[in-house]
Amino acid sequence: MCIAAPGQVISIAGETAQVKFGRLTRAAQTTLKPNVKKGDYVLVHAGFIMEILERKDALERLKLFKETELD
């Protein structure tokens, strides 16, 4: 199963955004969502930004991710 992970865009260069997922930062392509901006919360799947989230929704999803972490 694949899961789209929520994260926050910390920078954009060309068509590549750096997205922060907790303590990790990964590159994600902006080609599917070219209107993404620094500071936006996004869902990333397979290296592509699939959706731009409202801040409230993103924080709720992040809370759920944290609650369901496996030990």
PDB file of N, CA and C in Angstrom:
ATOM      1  N   MET A   1       0.844  -1.164   0.000  1.00  0.00           N
ATOM      2  CA  MET A   1       0.000   0.000   0.000  1.00  0.00           C
ATOM      3  C   MET A   1       0.897   1.238   0.000  1.00  0.00           C
ATOM      4  N   CYS A   2       0.491   2.248  -0.752  1.00  0.00           N
ATOM      5  CA  CYS A   2       1.215   3.518  -0.785  1.00  0.00           C
ATOM      6  C   CYS A   2       0.383   4.584  -0.092  1.00  0.00           C
ATOM      7  N   ILE A   3       1.057   5.426   0.641  1.00  0.00           N
ATOM      8  CA  ILE A   3       0.375   6.493   1.383  1.00  0.00           C
ATOM      9  C   ILE A   3       0.950   7.829   0.964  1.00  0.00           C
ATOM     10  N   ALA A   4       0.070   8.797   0.684  1.00  0.00           N
ATOM     11  CA  ALA A   4       0.516  10.164   0.415  1.00  0.00           C
ATOM     12  C   ALA A   4       0.816  10.811   1.759  1.00  0.00           C
ATOM     13  N   ALA A   5       2.029  11.315   1.904  1.00  0.00           N
ATOM     14  CA  ALA A   5       2.461  11.874   3.175  1.00  0.00           C
ATOM     15  C   ALA A   5       2.293  13.386   3.194  1.00  0.00           C
ATOM     16  N   PRO A   6       1.757  13.946   4.295  1.00  0.00           N
ATOM     17  CA  PRO A   6       1.645  15.397   4.415  1.00  0.00           C
ATOM     18  C   PRO A   6       2.968  16.012   4.860  1.00  0.00           C
ATOM     19  N   GLY A   7       3.290  17.168   4.287  1.00  0.00           N
ATOM     20  CA  GLY A   7       4.493  17.895   4.659  1.00  0.00           C
ATOM     21  C   GLY A   7       4.344  19.369   4.337  1.00  0.00           C
ATOM     22  N   GLN A   8       5.363  20.157   4.665  1.00  0.00           N
ATOM     23  CA  GLN A   8       5.320  21.599   4.428  1.00  0.00           C
ATOM     24  C   GLN A   8       6.456  21.996   3.492  1.00  0.00           C
ATOM     25  N   VAL A   9       6.113  22.786   2.478  1.00  0.00           N
ATOM     26  CA  VAL A   9       7.096  23.264   1.510  1.00  0.00           C
ATOM     27  C   VAL A   9       7.987  24.303   2.192  1.00  0.00           C
ATOM     28  N   ILE A  10       9.311  24.067   2.137  1.00  0.00           N
ATOM     29  CA  ILE A  10      10.233  25.021   2.758  1.00  0.00           C
ATOM     30  C   ILE A  10      11.003  25.832   1.726  1.00  0.00           C
ATOM     31  N   SER A  11      11.046  25.344   0.471  1.00  0.00           N
ATOM     32  CA  SER A  11      11.671  26.119  -0.595  1.00  0.00           C
ATOM     33  C   SER A  11      11.273  25.526  -1.938  1.00  0.00           C
ATOM     34  N   ILE A  12      11.404  26.352  -2.989  1.00  0.00           N
ATOM     35  CA  ILE A  12      11.098  25.912  -4.344  1.00  0.00           C
ATOM     36  C   ILE A  12      12.175  26.457  -5.271  1.00  0.00           C
ATOM     37  N   ALA A  13      12.679  25.586  -6.139  1.00  0.00           N
ATOM     38  CA  ALA A  13      13.647  25.975  -7.168  1.00  0.00           C
ATOM     39  C   ALA A  13      13.207  25.311  -8.466  1.00  0.00           C
ATOM     40  N   GLY A  14      12.764  26.106  -9.408  1.00  0.00           N
ATOM     41  CA  GLY A  14      12.260  25.543 -10.661  1.00  0.00           C
ATOM     42  C   GLY A  14      11.008  24.735 -10.398  1.00  0.00           C
ATOM     43  N   GLU A  15      11.022  23.474 -10.817  1.00  0.00           N
ATOM     44  CA  GLU A  15       9.871  22.584 -10.620  1.00  0.00           C
ATOM     45  C   GLU A  15      10.085  21.608  -9.466  1.00  0.00           C
ATOM     46  N   THR A  16      11.044  21.924  -8.591  1.00  0.00           N
ATOM     47  CA  THR A  16      11.330  21.054  -7.454  1.00  0.00           C
ATOM     48  C   THR A  16      11.172  21.817  -6.150  1.00  0.00           C
ATOM     49  N   ALA A  17      10.372  21.250  -5.258  1.00  0.00           N
ATOM     50  CA  ALA A  17      10.182  21.830  -3.930  1.00  0.00           C
ATOM     51  C   ALA A  17      10.896  20.962  -2.906  1.00  0.00           C
ATOM     52  N   GLN A  18      11.419  21.586  -1.881  1.00  0.00           N
ATOM     53  CA  GLN A  18      11.924  20.861  -0.719  1.00  0.00           C
ATOM     54  C   GLN A  18      10.781  20.847   0.291  1.00  0.00           C
ATOM     55  N   VAL A  19      10.388  19.659   0.706  1.00  0.00           N
ATOM     56  CA  VAL A  19       9.244  19.489   1.594  1.00  0.00           C
ATOM     57  C   VAL A  19       9.721  18.844   2.897  1.00  0.00           C
ATOM     58  N   LYS A  20       9.304  19.445   3.998  1.00  0.00           N
ATOM     59  CA  LYS A  20       9.695  18.967   5.327  1.00  0.00           C
ATOM     60  C   LYS A  20       8.616  18.029   5.865  1.00  0.00           C
ATOM     61  N   PHE A  21       9.071  16.833   6.251  1.00  0.00           N
ATOM     62  CA  PHE A  21       8.211  15.819   6.865  1.00  0.00           C
ATOM     63  C   PHE A  21       8.781  15.550   8.252  1.00  0.00           C
ATOM     64  N   GLY A  22       8.331  16.279   9.237  1.00  0.00           N
ATOM     65  CA  GLY A  22       8.899  16.115  10.575  1.00  0.00           C
ATOM     66  C   GLY A  22      10.358  16.528  10.569  1.00  0.00           C
ATOM     67  N   ARG A  23      11.261  15.581  10.865  1.00  0.00           N
ATOM     68  CA  ARG A  23      12.691  15.887  10.884  1.00  0.00           C
ATOM     69  C   ARG A  23      13.359  15.659   9.534  1.00  0.00           C
ATOM     70  N   LEU A  24      12.643  15.109   8.568  1.00  0.00           N
ATOM     71  CA  LEU A  24      13.199  14.821   7.244  1.00  0.00           C
ATOM     72  C   LEU A  24      12.793  15.855   6.219  1.00  0.00           C
ATOM     73  N   THR A  25      13.671  16.083   5.253  1.00  0.00           N
ATOM     74  CA  THR A  25      13.357  16.960   4.121  1.00  0.00           C
ATOM     75  C   THR A  25      13.615  16.175   2.852  1.00  0.00           C
ATOM     76  N   ARG A  26      12.652  16.226   1.928  1.00  0.00           N
ATOM     77  CA  ARG A  26      12.769  15.506   0.668  1.00  0.00           C
ATOM     78  C   ARG A  26      12.348  16.414  -0.488  1.00  0.00           C
ATOM     79  N   ALA A  27      12.883  16.114  -1.664  1.00  0.00           N
ATOM     80  CA  ALA A  27      12.507  16.835  -2.876  1.00  0.00           C
ATOM     81  C   ALA A  27      11.198  16.262  -3.410  1.00  0.00           C
ATOM     82  N   ALA A  28      10.358  17.143  -3.963  1.00  0.00           N
ATOM     83  CA  ALA A  28       9.101  16.725  -4.591  1.00  0.00           C
ATOM     84  C   ALA A  28       8.861  17.601  -5.811  1.00  0.00           C
ATOM     85  N   GLN A  29       8.387  16.998  -6.868  1.00  0.00           N
ATOM     86  CA  GLN A  29       8.122  17.715  -8.101  1.00  0.00           C
ATOM     87  C   GLN A  29       6.828  18.525  -7.983  1.00  0.00           C
ATOM     88  N   THR A  30       6.836  19.739  -8.515  1.00  0.00           N
ATOM     89  CA  THR A  30       5.683  20.635  -8.460  1.00  0.00           C
ATOM     90  C   THR A  30       4.883  20.623  -9.757  1.00  0.00           C
ATOM     91  N   THR A  31       5.255  19.799 -10.719  1.00  0.00           N
ATOM     92  CA  THR A  31       4.642  19.846 -12.051  1.00  0.00           C
ATOM     93  C   THR A  31       3.133  19.614 -12.035  1.00  0.00           C
ATOM     94  N   LEU A  32       2.620  18.840 -11.088  1.00  0.00           N
ATOM     95  CA  LEU A  32       1.175  18.603 -11.012  1.00  0.00           C
ATOM     96  C   LEU A  32       0.436  19.726 -10.281  1.00  0.00           C
ATOM     97  N   LYS A  33       1.156  20.488  -9.492  1.00  0.00           N
ATOM     98  CA  LYS A  33       0.583  21.615  -8.736  1.00  0.00           C
ATOM     99  C   LYS A  33       1.526  22.814  -8.864  1.00  0.00           C
ATOM    100  N   PRO A  34       1.592  23.434 -10.049  1.00  0.00           N
ATOM    101  CA  PRO A  34       2.558  24.520 -10.276  1.00  0.00           C
ATOM    102  C   PRO A  34       2.298  25.784  -9.449  1.00  0.00           C
ATOM    103  N   ASN A  35       1.122  25.898  -8.846  1.00  0.00           N
ATOM    104  CA  ASN A  35       0.803  27.088  -8.044  1.00  0.00           C
ATOM    105  C   ASN A  35       1.203  26.952  -6.574  1.00  0.00           C
ATOM    106  N   VAL A  36       1.899  25.868  -6.212  1.00  0.00           N
ATOM    107  CA  VAL A  36       2.332  25.671  -4.831  1.00  0.00           C
ATOM    108  C   VAL A  36       3.320  26.768  -4.438  1.00  0.00           C
ATOM    109  N   LYS A  37       3.255  27.172  -3.157  1.00  0.00           N
ATOM    110  CA  LYS A  37       4.119  28.241  -2.650  1.00  0.00           C
ATOM    111  C   LYS A  37       4.852  27.770  -1.393  1.00  0.00           C
ATOM    112  N   LYS A  38       5.954  28.443  -1.107  1.00  0.00           N
ATOM    113  CA  LYS A  38       6.691  28.197   0.124  1.00  0.00           C
ATOM    114  C   LYS A  38       5.731  28.401   1.301  1.00  0.00           C
ATOM    115  N   GLY A  39       5.760  27.469   2.248  1.00  0.00           N
ATOM    116  CA  GLY A  39       4.881  27.536   3.417  1.00  0.00           C
ATOM    117  C   GLY A  39       3.617  26.710   3.277  1.00  0.00           C
ATOM    118  N   ASP A  40       3.260  26.340   2.039  1.00  0.00           N
ATOM    119  CA  ASP A  40       2.067  25.516   1.835  1.00  0.00           C
ATOM    120  C   ASP A  40       2.260  24.134   2.437  1.00  0.00           C
ATOM    121  N   TYR A  41       1.170  23.569   2.932  1.00  0.00           N
ATOM    122  CA  TYR A  41       1.156  22.169   3.339  1.00  0.00           C
ATOM    123  C   TYR A  41       0.657  21.377   2.136  1.00  0.00           C
ATOM    124  N   VAL A  42       1.304  20.245   1.885  1.00  0.00           N
ATOM    125  CA  VAL A  42       0.999  19.478   0.681  1.00  0.00           C
ATOM    126  C   VAL A  42       0.977  17.983   0.992  1.00  0.00           C
ATOM    127  N   LEU A  43       0.333  17.223   0.100  1.00  0.00           N
ATOM    128  CA  LEU A  43       0.412  15.770   0.132  1.00  0.00           C
ATOM    129  C   LEU A  43       1.365  15.352  -0.971  1.00  0.00           C
ATOM    130  N   VAL A  44       2.335  14.516  -0.637  1.00  0.00           N
ATOM    131  CA  VAL A  44       3.323  14.047  -1.606  1.00  0.00           C
ATOM    132  C   VAL A  44       3.194  12.541  -1.747  1.00  0.00           C
ATOM    133  N   HIS A  45       3.157  12.106  -3.004  1.00  0.00           N
ATOM    134  CA  HIS A  45       3.100  10.680  -3.298  1.00  0.00           C
ATOM    135  C   HIS A  45       4.023  10.406  -4.475  1.00  0.00           C
ATOM    136  N   ALA A  46       4.887   9.432  -4.330  1.00  0.00           N
ATOM    137  CA  ALA A  46       5.811   9.018  -5.394  1.00  0.00           C
ATOM    138  C   ALA A  46       6.644  10.186  -5.927  1.00  0.00           C
ATOM    139  N   GLY A  47       7.003  11.109  -5.022  1.00  0.00           N
ATOM    140  CA  GLY A  47       7.870  12.213  -5.404  1.00  0.00           C
ATOM    141  C   GLY A  47       7.185  13.391  -6.061  1.00  0.00           C
ATOM    142  N   PHE A  48       5.854  13.391  -6.107  1.00  0.00           N
ATOM    143  CA  PHE A  48       5.089  14.479  -6.708  1.00  0.00           C
ATOM    144  C   PHE A  48       4.120  15.081  -5.695  1.00  0.00           C
ATOM    145  N   ILE A  49       3.994  16.387  -5.725  1.00  0.00           N
ATOM    146  CA  ILE A  49       2.975  17.053  -4.909  1.00  0.00           C
ATOM    147  C   ILE A  49       1.635  16.790  -5.583  1.00  0.00           C
ATOM    148  N   MET A  50       0.755  16.110  -4.864  1.00  0.00           N
ATOM    149  CA  MET A  50      -0.539  15.711  -5.410  1.00  0.00           C
ATOM    150  C   MET A  50      -1.673  16.646  -5.012  1.00  0.00           C
ATOM    151  N   GLU A  51      -1.505  17.314  -3.865  1.00  0.00           N
ATOM    152  CA  GLU A  51      -2.593  18.155  -3.348  1.00  0.00           C
ATOM    153  C   GLU A  51      -2.010  19.223  -2.430  1.00  0.00           C
ATOM    154  N   ILE A  52      -2.588  20.412  -2.493  1.00  0.00           N
ATOM    155  CA  ILE A  52      -2.250  21.487  -1.557  1.00  0.00           C
ATOM    156  C   ILE A  52      -3.336  21.472  -0.484  1.00  0.00           C
ATOM    157  N   LEU A  53      -2.918  21.398   0.779  1.00  0.00           N
ATOM    158  CA  LEU A  53      -3.855  21.283   1.895  1.00  0.00           C
ATOM    159  C   LEU A  53      -4.057  22.613   2.602  1.00  0.00           C
ATOM    160  N   GLU A  54      -5.227  22.775   3.178  1.00  0.00           N
ATOM    161  CA  GLU A  54      -5.462  23.878   4.105  1.00  0.00           C
ATOM    162  C   GLU A  54      -4.665  23.565   5.371  1.00  0.00           C
ATOM    163  N   ARG A  55      -4.145  24.596   6.015  1.00  0.00           N
ATOM    164  CA  ARG A  55      -3.298  24.411   7.198  1.00  0.00           C
ATOM    165  C   ARG A  55      -3.982  23.558   8.259  1.00  0.00           C
ATOM    166  N   LYS A  56      -5.238  23.847   8.543  1.00  0.00           N
ATOM    167  CA  LYS A  56      -5.985  23.112   9.571  1.00  0.00           C
ATOM    168  C   LYS A  56      -6.065  21.623   9.224  1.00  0.00           C
ATOM    169  N   ASP A  57      -6.376  21.318   7.969  1.00  0.00           N
ATOM    170  CA  ASP A  57      -6.467  19.927   7.535  1.00  0.00           C
ATOM    171  C   ASP A  57      -5.111  19.232   7.622  1.00  0.00           C
ATOM    172  N   ALA A  58      -4.058  19.935   7.226  1.00  0.00           N
ATOM    173  CA  ALA A  58      -2.722  19.361   7.268  1.00  0.00           C
ATOM    174  C   ALA A  58      -2.321  19.020   8.698  1.00  0.00           C
ATOM    175  N   LEU A  59      -2.561  19.930   9.623  1.00  0.00           N
ATOM    176  CA  LEU A  59      -2.194  19.677  11.020  1.00  0.00           C
ATOM    177  C   LEU A  59      -2.982  18.511  11.597  1.00  0.00           C
ATOM    178  N   GLU A  60      -4.241  18.377  11.198  1.00  0.00           N
ATOM    179  CA  GLU A  60      -5.053  17.254  11.659  1.00  0.00           C
ATOM    180  C   GLU A  60      -4.498  15.933  11.110  1.00  0.00           C
ATOM    181  N   ARG A  61      -4.118  15.916   9.830  1.00  0.00           N
ATOM    182  CA  ARG A  61      -3.549  14.705   9.239  1.00  0.00           C
ATOM    183  C   ARG A  61      -2.220  14.344   9.891  1.00  0.00           C
ATOM    184  N   LEU A  62      -1.399  15.354  10.160  1.00  0.00           N
ATOM    185  CA  LEU A  62      -0.120  15.103  10.816  1.00  0.00           C
ATOM    186  C   LEU A  62      -0.329  14.513  12.207  1.00  0.00           C
ATOM    187  N   LYS A  63      -1.343  15.004  12.909  1.00  0.00           N
ATOM    188  CA  LYS A  63      -1.665  14.467  14.230  1.00  0.00           C
ATOM    189  C   LYS A  63      -2.076  12.995  14.111  1.00  0.00           C
ATOM    190  N   LEU A  64      -2.883  12.671  13.119  1.00  0.00           N
ATOM    191  CA  LEU A  64      -3.307  11.277  12.912  1.00  0.00           C
ATOM    192  C   LEU A  64      -2.120  10.392  12.555  1.00  0.00           C
ATOM    193  N   PHE A  65      -1.212  10.895  11.710  1.00  0.00           N
ATOM    194  CA  PHE A  65      -0.009  10.137  11.374  1.00  0.00           C
ATOM    195  C   PHE A  65       0.770   9.820  12.645  1.00  0.00           C
ATOM    196  N   LYS A  66       0.930  10.821  13.494  1.00  0.00           N
ATOM    197  CA  LYS A  66       1.696  10.624  14.729  1.00  0.00           C
ATOM    198  C   LYS A  66       1.024   9.609  15.647  1.00  0.00           C
ATOM    199  N   GLU A  67      -0.301   9.681  15.741  1.00  0.00           N
ATOM    200  CA  GLU A  67      -1.041   8.757  16.604  1.00  0.00           C
ATOM    201  C   GLU A  67      -0.975   7.312  16.110  1.00  0.00           C
ATOM    202  N   THR A  68      -0.796   7.113  14.822  1.00  0.00           N
ATOM    203  CA  THR A  68      -0.791   5.757  14.275  1.00  0.00           C
ATOM    204  C   THR A  68       0.607   5.205  14.027  1.00  0.00           C
ATOM    205  N   GLU A  69       1.650   5.893  14.501  1.00  0.00           N
ATOM    206  CA  GLU A  69       3.014   5.391  14.339  1.00  0.00           C
ATOM    207  C   GLU A  69       3.155   4.027  14.987  1.00  0.00           C
ATOM    208  N   LEU A  70       3.855   3.162  14.295  1.00  0.00           N
ATOM    209  CA  LEU A  70       4.109   1.829  14.848  1.00  0.00           C
ATOM    210  C   LEU A  70       5.420   1.845  15.617  1.00  0.00           C
ATOM    211  N   ASP A  71       5.432   1.198  16.726  1.00  0.00           N
ATOM    212  CA  ASP A  71       6.653   1.117  17.542  1.00  0.00           C
ATOM    213  C   ASP A  71       7.589   0.059  16.997  1.00  0.00           C
TER     214      ASP A  71
END
